[in-house]
PDB file of N, CA and C in Angstrom:
ATOM      1  N   UNK A   1       2.204 111.196 -21.110  1.00  0.00           N
ATOM      2  CA  UNK A   1       2.897 110.197 -21.865  1.00  0.00           C
ATOM      3  C   UNK A   1       3.091 108.982 -21.139  1.00  0.00           C
ATOM      4  N   UNK A   2       3.066 108.020 -21.671  1.00  0.00           N
ATOM      5  CA  UNK A   2       3.434 106.221 -21.430  1.00  0.00           C
ATOM      6  C   UNK A   2       4.604 105.802 -20.477  1.00  0.00           C
ATOM      7  N   UNK A   3       4.581 105.541 -19.836  1.00  0.00           N
ATOM      8  CA  UNK A   3       6.326 104.943 -19.197  1.00  0.00           C
ATOM      9  C   UNK A   3       5.834 103.288 -18.720  1.00  0.00           C
ATOM     10  N   UNK A   4       6.577 102.238 -19.443  1.00  0.00           N
ATOM     11  CA  UNK A   4       6.583 100.972 -18.894  1.00  0.00           C
ATOM     12  C   UNK A   4       7.743 100.887 -18.404  1.00  0.00           C
ATOM     13  N   UNK A   5       7.435 100.776 -16.928  1.00  0.00           N
ATOM     14  CA  UNK A   5       8.597 100.191 -15.783  1.00  0.00           C
ATOM     15  C   UNK A   5       8.983  98.677 -16.024  1.00  0.00           C
ATOM     16  N   UNK A   6      10.281  97.992 -15.833  1.00  0.00           N
ATOM     17  CA  UNK A   6      10.140  97.146 -16.149  1.00  0.00           C
ATOM     18  C   UNK A   6      11.048  96.682 -14.898  1.00  0.00           C
ATOM     19  N   UNK A   7      10.352  95.662 -14.172  1.00  0.00           N
ATOM     20  CA  UNK A   7      10.455  94.998 -12.926  1.00  0.00           C
ATOM     21  C   UNK A   7      11.686  94.122 -13.005  1.00  0.00           C
ATOM     22  N   UNK A   8      12.864  93.499 -12.297  1.00  0.00           N
ATOM     23  CA  UNK A   8      13.317  92.367 -13.171  1.00  0.00           C
ATOM     24  C   UNK A   8      13.989  91.419 -12.552  1.00  0.00           C
ATOM     25  N   UNK A   9      13.232  91.494 -10.620  1.00  0.00           N
ATOM     26  CA  UNK A   9      13.398  90.285  -9.788  1.00  0.00           C
ATOM     27  C   UNK A   9      12.033  89.973  -8.986  1.00  0.00           C
ATOM     28  N   UNK A  10      11.603  89.141  -8.588  1.00  0.00           N
ATOM     29  CA  UNK A  10      10.133  88.937  -7.945  1.00  0.00           C
ATOM     30  C   UNK A  10      10.471  89.956  -6.429  1.00  0.00           C
ATOM     31  N   UNK A  11      11.562  89.317  -5.885  1.00  0.00           N
ATOM     32  CA  UNK A  11      11.501  90.781  -4.419  1.00  0.00           C
ATOM     33  C   UNK A  11      10.647  91.872  -5.093  1.00  0.00           C
ATOM     34  N   UNK A  12      11.499  92.369  -6.040  1.00  0.00           N
ATOM     35  CA  UNK A  12      10.804  94.286  -6.105  1.00  0.00           C
ATOM     36  C   UNK A  12       9.426  94.062  -6.834  1.00  0.00           C
ATOM     37  N   UNK A  13       8.996  93.366  -7.050  1.00  0.00           N
ATOM     38  CA  UNK A  13       7.858  93.007  -8.244  1.00  0.00           C
ATOM     39  C   UNK A  13       6.631  92.881  -6.823  1.00  0.00           C
ATOM     40  N   UNK A  14       7.113  91.955  -5.842  1.00  0.00           N
ATOM     41  CA  UNK A  14       6.029  91.888  -4.505  1.00  0.00           C
ATOM     42  C   UNK A  14       6.125  93.167  -3.640  1.00  0.00           C
ATOM     43  N   UNK A  15       7.359  93.917  -3.288  1.00  0.00           N
ATOM     44  CA  UNK A  15       7.556  95.208  -3.035  1.00  0.00           C
ATOM     45  C   UNK A  15       6.307  96.109  -3.326  1.00  0.00           C
ATOM     46  N   UNK A  16       7.017  96.116  -4.565  1.00  0.00           N
ATOM     47  CA  UNK A  16       5.918  97.396  -5.581  1.00  0.00           C
ATOM     48  C   UNK A  16       4.470  97.023  -5.204  1.00  0.00           C
ATOM     49  N   UNK A  17       3.889  95.901  -5.515  1.00  0.00           N
ATOM     50  CA  UNK A  17       2.428  95.581  -4.815  1.00  0.00           C
ATOM     51  C   UNK A  17       2.197  95.936  -3.611  1.00  0.00           C
ATOM     52  N   UNK A  18       2.905  95.447  -2.943  1.00  0.00           N
ATOM     53  CA  UNK A  18       2.466  95.837  -1.049  1.00  0.00           C
ATOM     54  C   UNK A  18       2.535  97.077  -0.520  1.00  0.00           C
ATOM     55  N   UNK A  19       3.380  97.595  -1.532  1.00  0.00           N
ATOM     56  CA  UNK A  19       3.827  99.210  -0.911  1.00  0.00           C
ATOM     57  C   UNK A  19       2.456 100.104  -2.128  1.00  0.00           C
ATOM     58  N   UNK A  20       2.175  99.707  -2.775  1.00  0.00           N
ATOM     59  CA  UNK A  20       0.854 100.093  -3.665  1.00  0.00           C
ATOM     60  C   UNK A  20      -0.323  99.463  -3.804  1.00  0.00           C
ATOM     61  N   UNK A  21      -1.208  99.470  -2.363  1.00  0.00           N
ATOM     62  CA  UNK A  21      -2.143  98.707  -2.494  1.00  0.00           C
ATOM     63  C   UNK A  21      -3.307  99.177  -2.830  1.00  0.00           C
ATOM     64  N   UNK A  22      -3.664 100.775  -4.188  1.00  0.00           N
ATOM     65  CA  UNK A  22      -4.463 100.906  -4.983  1.00  0.00           C
ATOM     66  C   UNK A  22      -3.872 100.139  -6.394  1.00  0.00           C
ATOM     67  N   UNK A  23      -2.502  99.030  -6.547  1.00  0.00           N
ATOM     68  CA  UNK A  23      -2.440  98.804  -7.720  1.00  0.00           C
ATOM     69  C   UNK A  23      -3.582  98.211  -8.475  1.00  0.00           C
ATOM     70  N   UNK A  24      -3.322  97.943  -9.673  1.00  0.00           N
ATOM     71  CA  UNK A  24      -4.211  97.228 -10.465  1.00  0.00           C
ATOM     72  C   UNK A  24      -3.644  95.939 -11.156  1.00  0.00           C
ATOM     73  N   UNK A  25      -3.510  94.779 -10.561  1.00  0.00           N
ATOM     74  CA  UNK A  25      -2.813  93.494 -10.639  1.00  0.00           C
ATOM     75  C   UNK A  25      -3.408  92.807 -12.428  1.00  0.00           C
ATOM     76  N   UNK A  26      -3.009  92.745 -13.191  1.00  0.00           N
ATOM     77  CA  UNK A  26      -3.487  92.398 -14.516  1.00  0.00           C
ATOM     78  C   UNK A  26      -2.532  90.962 -14.677  1.00  0.00           C
ATOM     79  N   UNK A  27      -3.520  90.221 -14.611  1.00  0.00           N
ATOM     80  CA  UNK A  27      -3.090  88.601 -15.445  1.00  0.00           C
ATOM     81  C   UNK A  27      -3.333  88.405 -16.709  1.00  0.00           C
ATOM     82  N   UNK A  28      -2.310  88.161 -17.549  1.00  0.00           N
ATOM     83  CA  UNK A  28      -2.409  88.905 -18.802  1.00  0.00           C
ATOM     84  C   UNK A  28      -2.602  87.396 -19.305  1.00  0.00           C
ATOM     85  N   UNK A  29      -2.612  86.038 -18.958  1.00  0.00           N
ATOM     86  CA  UNK A  29      -2.798  84.558 -19.641  1.00  0.00           C
ATOM     87  C   UNK A  29      -3.847  84.385 -19.252  1.00  0.00           C
ATOM     88  N   UNK A  30      -4.161  83.079 -20.084  1.00  0.00           N
ATOM     89  CA  UNK A  30      -5.500  82.605 -20.274  1.00  0.00           C
ATOM     90  C   UNK A  30      -6.404  82.472 -19.259  1.00  0.00           C
ATOM     91  N   UNK A  31      -7.604  82.169 -19.106  1.00  0.00           N
ATOM     92  CA  UNK A  31      -8.189  81.855 -18.048  1.00  0.00           C
ATOM     93  C   UNK A  31      -7.927  80.129 -17.652  1.00  0.00           C
ATOM     94  N   UNK A  32      -7.234  79.428 -17.875  1.00  0.00           N
ATOM     95  CA  UNK A  32      -6.973  78.308 -17.394  1.00  0.00           C
ATOM     96  C   UNK A  32      -5.497  78.146 -17.181  1.00  0.00           C
ATOM     97  N   UNK A  33      -4.905  79.219 -17.496  1.00  0.00           N
ATOM     98  CA  UNK A  33      -3.966  79.394 -16.707  1.00  0.00           C
ATOM     99  C   UNK A  33      -3.935  79.932 -15.383  1.00  0.00           C
ATOM    100  N   UNK A  34      -4.586  81.207 -15.508  1.00  0.00           N
ATOM    101  CA  UNK A  34      -4.957  82.123 -14.511  1.00  0.00           C
ATOM    102  C   UNK A  34      -5.283  81.111 -13.263  1.00  0.00           C
ATOM    103  N   UNK A  35      -6.615  79.969 -13.416  1.00  0.00           N
ATOM    104  CA  UNK A  35      -7.042  79.059 -12.607  1.00  0.00           C
ATOM    105  C   UNK A  35      -6.413  78.067 -11.414  1.00  0.00           C
ATOM    106  N   UNK A  36      -5.213  78.353 -12.543  1.00  0.00           N
ATOM    107  CA  UNK A  36      -3.774  77.078 -11.791  1.00  0.00           C
ATOM    108  C   UNK A  36      -3.275  77.824 -10.883  1.00  0.00           C
ATOM    109  N   UNK A  37      -3.271  78.978 -10.549  1.00  0.00           N
ATOM    110  CA  UNK A  37      -2.378  79.790  -9.576  1.00  0.00           C
ATOM    111  C   UNK A  37      -2.198  81.114 -10.150  1.00  0.00           C
ATOM    112  N   UNK A  38      -2.824  82.178  -9.268  1.00  0.00           N
ATOM    113  CA  UNK A  38      -2.405  83.746  -9.321  1.00  0.00           C
ATOM    114  C   UNK A  38      -2.117  84.686  -8.746  1.00  0.00           C
ATOM    115  N   UNK A  39      -1.467  85.646  -8.878  1.00  0.00           N
ATOM    116  CA  UNK A  39      -1.156  86.390  -7.566  1.00  0.00           C
ATOM    117  C   UNK A  39      -2.494  87.176  -6.945  1.00  0.00           C
ATOM    118  N   UNK A  40      -2.471  87.185  -5.622  1.00  0.00           N
ATOM    119  CA  UNK A  40      -3.462  87.620  -4.894  1.00  0.00           C
ATOM    120  C   UNK A  40      -3.775  88.898  -5.054  1.00  0.00           C
ATOM    121  N   UNK A  41      -5.489  89.135  -5.523  1.00  0.00           N
ATOM    122  CA  UNK A  41      -5.907  90.634  -6.382  1.00  0.00           C
ATOM    123  C   UNK A  41      -5.679  90.788  -7.915  1.00  0.00           C
ATOM    124  N   UNK A  42      -4.786  89.842  -8.256  1.00  0.00           N
ATOM    125  CA  UNK A  42      -5.388  89.779  -9.827  1.00  0.00           C
ATOM    126  C   UNK A  42      -6.566  89.642 -10.765  1.00  0.00           C
ATOM    127  N   UNK A  43      -6.436  90.485 -11.232  1.00  0.00           N
ATOM    128  CA  UNK A  43      -7.644  90.017 -12.286  1.00  0.00           C
ATOM    129  C   UNK A  43      -7.252  89.936 -13.405  1.00  0.00           C
ATOM    130  N   UNK A  44      -7.991  88.814 -14.166  1.00  0.00           N
ATOM    131  CA  UNK A  44      -7.982  87.675 -15.192  1.00  0.00           C
ATOM    132  C   UNK A  44      -8.057  89.241 -16.436  1.00  0.00           C
ATOM    133  N   UNK A  45      -7.280  89.460 -17.506  1.00  0.00           N
ATOM    134  CA  UNK A  45      -7.296  90.337 -18.209  1.00  0.00           C
ATOM    135  C   UNK A  45      -5.905  89.552 -19.374  1.00  0.00           C
ATOM    136  N   UNK A  46      -7.079  88.293 -20.258  1.00  0.00           N
ATOM    137  CA  UNK A  46      -6.047  88.173 -21.182  1.00  0.00           C
ATOM    138  C   UNK A  46      -5.188  89.275 -22.310  1.00  0.00           C
ATOM    139  N   UNK A  47      -4.183  89.272 -22.736  1.00  0.00           N
ATOM    140  CA  UNK A  47      -3.665  89.534 -24.028  1.00  0.00           C
ATOM    141  C   UNK A  47      -4.679  90.035 -24.850  1.00  0.00           C
ATOM    142  N   UNK A  48      -4.614  89.062 -25.774  1.00  0.00           N
ATOM    143  CA  UNK A  48      -5.900  89.243 -26.911  1.00  0.00           C
ATOM    144  C   UNK A  48      -7.286  89.573 -26.510  1.00  0.00           C
ATOM    145  N   UNK A  49      -7.333  89.778 -25.164  1.00  0.00           N
ATOM    146  CA  UNK A  49      -8.764  90.441 -25.082  1.00  0.00           C
ATOM    147  C   UNK A  49      -8.747  91.958 -24.568  1.00  0.00           C
ATOM    148  N   UNK A  50      -7.400  92.535 -24.684  1.00  0.00           N
ATOM    149  CA  UNK A  50      -7.181  94.066 -24.965  1.00  0.00           C
ATOM    150  C   UNK A  50      -7.678  95.034 -25.780  1.00  0.00           C
ATOM    151  N   UNK A  51      -8.586  95.480 -25.696  1.00  0.00           N
ATOM    152  CA  UNK A  51      -8.978  96.486 -26.582  1.00  0.00           C
ATOM    153  C   UNK A  51      -9.826  97.790 -25.340  1.00  0.00           C
ATOM    154  N   UNK A  52      -9.542  98.822 -26.207  1.00  0.00           N
ATOM    155  CA  UNK A  52      -9.948 100.059 -25.538  1.00  0.00           C
ATOM    156  C   UNK A  52     -11.181  99.833 -24.682  1.00  0.00           C
ATOM    157  N   UNK A  53     -12.477  99.340 -25.153  1.00  0.00           N
ATOM    158  CA  UNK A  53     -13.488  99.020 -24.487  1.00  0.00           C
ATOM    159  C   UNK A  53     -13.521  98.221 -23.077  1.00  0.00           C
ATOM    160  N   UNK A  54     -12.332  97.121 -23.755  1.00  0.00           N
ATOM    161  CA  UNK A  54     -13.034  96.045 -22.715  1.00  0.00           C
ATOM    162  C   UNK A  54     -11.482  96.646 -21.614  1.00  0.00           C
ATOM    163  N   UNK A  55     -11.074  97.326 -21.989  1.00  0.00           N
ATOM    164  CA  UNK A  55      -9.692  98.212 -21.193  1.00  0.00           C
ATOM    165  C   UNK A  55     -10.476  99.184 -20.453  1.00  0.00           C
ATOM    166  N   UNK A  56     -11.459  99.935 -20.365  1.00  0.00           N
ATOM    167  CA  UNK A  56     -12.702 100.693 -20.196  1.00  0.00           C
ATOM    168  C   UNK A  56     -13.323  99.965 -18.727  1.00  0.00           C
ATOM    169  N   UNK A  57     -13.673  98.878 -18.735  1.00  0.00           N
ATOM    170  CA  UNK A  57     -14.602  97.901 -17.953  1.00  0.00           C
ATOM    171  C   UNK A  57     -13.023  97.140 -16.909  1.00  0.00           C
ATOM    172  N   UNK A  58     -12.249  97.340 -17.156  1.00  0.00           N
ATOM    173  CA  UNK A  58     -11.615  96.298 -16.286  1.00  0.00           C
ATOM    174  C   UNK A  58     -10.596  97.817 -15.072  1.00  0.00           C
ATOM    175  N   UNK A  59     -10.085  98.804 -15.781  1.00  0.00           N
ATOM    176  CA  UNK A  59      -9.439  99.636 -15.532  1.00  0.00           C
ATOM    177  C   UNK A  59     -10.062 101.073 -15.018  1.00  0.00           C
ATOM    178  N   UNK A  60      -9.897 101.482 -14.366  1.00  0.00           N
ATOM    179  CA  UNK A  60     -11.170 103.113 -13.696  1.00  0.00           C
ATOM    180  C   UNK A  60     -10.860 104.163 -14.421  1.00  0.00           C
ATOM    181  N   UNK A  61      -9.139 103.844 -14.790  1.00  0.00           N
ATOM    182  CA  UNK A  61      -8.886 105.355 -15.304  1.00  0.00           C
ATOM    183  C   UNK A  61      -7.052 105.192 -15.898  1.00  0.00           C
ATOM    184  N   UNK A  62      -7.208 106.035 -16.809  1.00  0.00           N
ATOM    185  CA  UNK A  62      -6.120 106.610 -17.853  1.00  0.00           C
ATOM    186  C   UNK A  62      -4.422 106.002 -16.543  1.00  0.00           C
ATOM    187  N   UNK A  63      -5.170 106.997 -15.846  1.00  0.00           N
ATOM    188  CA  UNK A  63      -3.666 106.947 -14.894  1.00  0.00           C
ATOM    189  C   UNK A  63      -3.553 106.061 -13.615  1.00  0.00           C
ATOM    190  N   UNK A  64      -4.202 105.162 -13.567  1.00  0.00           N
ATOM    191  CA  UNK A  64      -4.058 104.209 -12.934  1.00  0.00           C
ATOM    192  C   UNK A  64      -3.039 103.193 -12.540  1.00  0.00           C
ATOM    193  N   UNK A  65      -2.176 102.978 -11.516  1.00  0.00           N
ATOM    194  CA  UNK A  65      -1.027 101.985 -11.474  1.00  0.00           C
ATOM    195  C   UNK A  65      -1.336 100.359 -11.999  1.00  0.00           C
ATOM    196  N   UNK A  66      -0.610 100.541 -13.096  1.00  0.00           N
ATOM    197  CA  UNK A  66      -1.231  98.689 -13.308  1.00  0.00           C
ATOM    198  C   UNK A  66       0.082  98.069 -13.043  1.00  0.00           C
ATOM    199  N   UNK A  67       0.129  97.258 -13.031  1.00  0.00           N
ATOM    200  CA  UNK A  67       1.003  95.477 -12.790  1.00  0.00           C
ATOM    201  C   UNK A  67       0.986  94.446 -13.596  1.00  0.00           C
ATOM    202  N   UNK A  68       1.473  94.674 -14.639  1.00  0.00           N
ATOM    203  CA  UNK A  68       0.862  93.007 -15.678  1.00  0.00           C
ATOM    204  C   UNK A  68       2.267  92.188 -15.261  1.00  0.00           C
ATOM    205  N   UNK A  69       1.328  91.130 -15.413  1.00  0.00           N
ATOM    206  CA  UNK A  69       2.491  89.420 -15.466  1.00  0.00           C
ATOM    207  C   UNK A  69       1.628  88.729 -16.840  1.00  0.00           C
ATOM    208  N   UNK A  70       2.696  87.582 -17.049  1.00  0.00           N
ATOM    209  CA  UNK A  70       2.101  86.516 -17.153  1.00  0.00           C
ATOM    210  C   UNK A  70       2.858  85.227 -16.864  1.00  0.00           C
ATOM    211  N   UNK A  71       3.316  84.216 -17.882  1.00  0.00           N
ATOM    212  CA  UNK A  71       3.521  83.026 -17.634  1.00  0.00           C
ATOM    213  C   UNK A  71       5.120  83.179 -17.331  1.00  0.00           C
ATOM    214  N   UNK A  72       5.797  83.542 -18.581  1.00  0.00           N
ATOM    215  CA  UNK A  72       7.474  83.858 -19.120  1.00  0.00           C
ATOM    216  C   UNK A  72       7.430  85.638 -19.525  1.00  0.00           C
ATOM    217  N   UNK A  73       7.006  86.207 -19.782  1.00  0.00           N
ATOM    218  CA  UNK A  73       7.148  87.934 -19.654  1.00  0.00           C
ATOM    219  C   UNK A  73       6.910  88.231 -20.778  1.00  0.00           C
ATOM    220  N   UNK A  74       7.042  87.205 -22.204  1.00  0.00           N
ATOM    221  CA  UNK A  74       6.514  87.605 -23.400  1.00  0.00           C
ATOM    222  C   UNK A  74       4.827  88.396 -23.693  1.00  0.00           C
ATOM    223  N   UNK A  75       3.764  88.001 -22.909  1.00  0.00           N
ATOM    224  CA  UNK A  75       2.989  88.618 -23.006  1.00  0.00           C
ATOM    225  C   UNK A  75       2.591  89.752 -22.266  1.00  0.00           C
ATOM    226  N   UNK A  76       3.131  89.550 -20.874  1.00  0.00           N
ATOM    227  CA  UNK A  76       3.321  90.992 -20.278  1.00  0.00           C
ATOM    228  C   UNK A  76       3.390  92.118 -20.932  1.00  0.00           C
ATOM    229  N   UNK A  77       4.573  91.620 -22.286  1.00  0.00           N
ATOM    230  CA  UNK A  77       5.254  92.758 -22.456  1.00  0.00           C
ATOM    231  C   UNK A  77       4.275  93.049 -23.489  1.00  0.00           C
ATOM    232  N   UNK A  78       3.663  92.679 -24.056  1.00  0.00           N
ATOM    233  CA  UNK A  78       2.713  93.073 -25.347  1.00  0.00           C
ATOM    234  C   UNK A  78       1.926  93.274 -24.424  1.00  0.00           C
ATOM    235  N   UNK A  79       1.247  92.966 -23.542  1.00  0.00           N
ATOM    236  CA  UNK A  79      -0.275  93.580 -23.184  1.00  0.00           C
ATOM    237  C   UNK A  79       0.494  95.317 -22.285  1.00  0.00           C
ATOM    238  N   UNK A  80       1.228  95.338 -21.952  1.00  0.00           N
ATOM    239  CA  UNK A  80       1.915  96.880 -21.084  1.00  0.00           C
ATOM    240  C   UNK A  80       2.263  97.623 -22.572  1.00  0.00           C
ATOM    241  N   UNK A  81       2.635  97.487 -23.592  1.00  0.00           N
ATOM    242  CA  UNK A  81       2.341  98.097 -25.045  1.00  0.00           C
ATOM    243  C   UNK A  81       1.012  98.262 -25.166  1.00  0.00           C
ATOM    244  N   UNK A  82       0.252  97.566 -25.639  1.00  0.00           N
ATOM    245  CA  UNK A  82      -1.167  97.564 -25.867  1.00  0.00           C
ATOM    246  C   UNK A  82      -1.906  98.651 -25.134  1.00  0.00           C
ATOM    247  N   UNK A  83      -1.436  98.429 -23.803  1.00  0.00           N
ATOM    248  CA  UNK A  83      -2.139  99.598 -22.865  1.00  0.00           C
ATOM    249  C   UNK A  83      -1.733 100.625 -22.922  1.00  0.00           C
ATOM    250  N   UNK A  84       0.158 100.766 -23.044  1.00  0.00           N
ATOM    251  CA  UNK A  84       0.467 101.989 -23.377  1.00  0.00           C
ATOM    252  C   UNK A  84      -0.337 102.766 -24.494  1.00  0.00           C
ATOM    253  N   UNK A  85      -0.313 102.032 -25.751  1.00  0.00           N
ATOM    254  CA  UNK A  85      -1.215 102.757 -26.925  1.00  0.00           C
ATOM    255  C   UNK A  85      -2.629 102.795 -27.051  1.00  0.00           C
ATOM    256  N   UNK A  86      -3.402 102.366 -25.765  1.00  0.00           N
ATOM    257  CA  UNK A  86      -4.666 103.056 -25.392  1.00  0.00           C
ATOM    258  C   UNK A  86      -4.096 104.223 -24.298  1.00  0.00           C
ATOM    259  N   UNK A  87      -3.288 104.467 -23.943  1.00  0.00           N
ATOM    260  CA  UNK A  87      -3.312 105.848 -23.672  1.00  0.00           C
ATOM    261  C   UNK A  87      -2.998 106.136 -21.856  1.00  0.00           C
ATOM    262  N   UNK A  88      -3.095 104.411 -21.309  1.00  0.00           N
ATOM    263  CA  UNK A  88      -2.416 104.603 -19.714  1.00  0.00           C
ATOM    264  C   UNK A  88      -1.201 104.814 -19.595  1.00  0.00           C
ATOM    265  N   UNK A  89      -0.554 105.260 -18.567  1.00  0.00           N
ATOM    266  CA  UNK A  89       0.536 106.193 -18.371  1.00  0.00           C
ATOM    267  C   UNK A  89       1.191 105.659 -17.252  1.00  0.00           C
ATOM    268  N   UNK A  90       0.732 104.522 -16.443  1.00  0.00           N
ATOM    269  CA  UNK A  90       1.930 104.495 -15.349  1.00  0.00           C
ATOM    270  C   UNK A  90       1.605 102.752 -15.167  1.00  0.00           C
ATOM    271  N   UNK A  91       2.833 101.878 -16.200  1.00  0.00           N
ATOM    272  CA  UNK A  91       2.710 100.151 -16.285  1.00  0.00           C
ATOM    273  C   UNK A  91       3.812  99.989 -15.952  1.00  0.00           C
ATOM    274  N   UNK A  92       3.982  99.188 -14.856  1.00  0.00           N
ATOM    275  CA  UNK A  92       5.024  98.168 -14.363  1.00  0.00           C
ATOM    276  C   UNK A  92       4.689  96.793 -14.774  1.00  0.00           C
ATOM    277  N   UNK A  93       5.220  96.034 -15.609  1.00  0.00           N
ATOM    278  CA  UNK A  93       5.766  94.455 -16.333  1.00  0.00           C
ATOM    279  C   UNK A  93       6.509  93.962 -15.431  1.00  0.00           C
ATOM    280  N   UNK A  94       5.980  93.240 -14.639  1.00  0.00           N
ATOM    281  CA  UNK A  94       6.882  92.069 -13.833  1.00  0.00           C
ATOM    282  C   UNK A  94       7.351  90.992 -14.530  1.00  0.00           C
ATOM    283  N   UNK A  95       6.950  90.799 -15.753  1.00  0.00           N
ATOM    284  CA  UNK A  95       7.381  89.852 -16.460  1.00  0.00           C
ATOM    285  C   UNK A  95       6.318  88.324 -16.076  1.00  0.00           C
ATOM    286  N   UNK A  96       7.743  87.396 -16.555  1.00  0.00           N
ATOM    287  CA  UNK A  96       6.727  86.353 -16.081  1.00  0.00           C
ATOM    288  C   UNK A  96       6.806  85.347 -14.286  1.00  0.00           C
ATOM    289  N   UNK A  97       5.309  84.874 -13.985  1.00  0.00           N
ATOM    290  CA  UNK A  97       5.344  84.268 -13.399  1.00  0.00           C
ATOM    291  C   UNK A  97       5.777  82.785 -12.716  1.00  0.00           C
ATOM    292  N   UNK A  98       6.160  82.481 -13.633  1.00  0.00           N
ATOM    293  CA  UNK A  98       6.492  81.045 -13.632  1.00  0.00           C
ATOM    294  C   UNK A  98       7.211  80.095 -12.319  1.00  0.00           C
ATOM    295  N   UNK A  99       7.783  81.061 -11.634  1.00  0.00           N
ATOM    296  CA  UNK A  99       9.060  80.903 -10.811  1.00  0.00           C
ATOM    297  C   UNK A  99       8.649  81.838  -9.340  1.00  0.00           C
ATOM    298  N   UNK A 100       7.365  82.029  -9.150  1.00  0.00           N
ATOM    299  CA  UNK A 100       6.678  83.070  -7.807  1.00  0.00           C
ATOM    300  C   UNK A 100       7.106  82.810  -6.728  1.00  0.00           C
ATOM    301  N   UNK A 101       7.809  83.309  -5.929  1.00  0.00           N
ATOM    302  CA  UNK A 101       8.144  82.409  -4.757  1.00  0.00           C
ATOM    303  C   UNK A 101       7.200  82.761  -3.687  1.00  0.00           C
ATOM    304  N   UNK A 102       6.250  83.268  -3.794  1.00  0.00           N
ATOM    305  CA  UNK A 102       5.292  84.293  -2.570  1.00  0.00           C
ATOM    306  C   UNK A 102       3.938  83.248  -2.956  1.00  0.00           C
ATOM    307  N   UNK A 103       3.511  82.489  -3.400  1.00  0.00           N
ATOM    308  CA  UNK A 103       2.476  81.946  -2.803  1.00  0.00           C
ATOM    309  C   UNK A 103       1.507  82.425  -4.230  1.00  0.00           C
ATOM    310  N   UNK A 104       0.744  81.373  -4.365  1.00  0.00           N
ATOM    311  CA  UNK A 104      -0.866  81.786  -5.501  1.00  0.00           C
ATOM    312  C   UNK A 104      -2.064  81.520  -5.143  1.00  0.00           C
ATOM    313  N   UNK A 105      -2.901  82.297  -5.507  1.00  0.00           N
ATOM    314  CA  UNK A 105      -4.101  81.596  -5.088  1.00  0.00           C
ATOM    315  C   UNK A 105      -4.646  80.960  -6.433  1.00  0.00           C
ATOM    316  N   UNK A 106      -5.272  80.116  -5.749  1.00  0.00           N
ATOM    317  CA  UNK A 106      -5.586  79.062  -6.943  1.00  0.00           C
ATOM    318  C   UNK A 106      -7.526  79.782  -7.051  1.00  0.00           C
ATOM    319  N   UNK A 107      -7.737  78.677  -8.366  1.00  0.00           N
ATOM    320  CA  UNK A 107      -8.870  78.862  -9.198  1.00  0.00           C
ATOM    321  C   UNK A 107      -9.240  80.635  -9.731  1.00  0.00           C
ATOM    322  N   UNK A 108     -10.669  79.921  -9.901  1.00  0.00           N
ATOM    323  CA  UNK A 108     -11.204  81.588 -10.371  1.00  0.00           C
ATOM    324  C   UNK A 108     -11.742  82.216  -9.281  1.00  0.00           C
TER     325      UNK A 108
END
């Protein structure tokens, strides 16, 4: 059964990432947005590219802990729901990155 956990503040999102080093962080924005700054260790996986086949290439297991984000929160929700429909079971939607206070990695 799929559960989408919504994380509503940056402090909790940062703690979640820090305390789960094996989680897979998915940046579901477009490549140009990703290049302007992304969370450390995030994998670029645009929401429009999410299919059963592409997910298998990016995510090793259906029960992997997934942390998804975008710019404002709408695409991360769409991505979380798409991954849920594909059978992934442990999804954390941390919403939008627009005011992320913890520093970003620049470039691809």
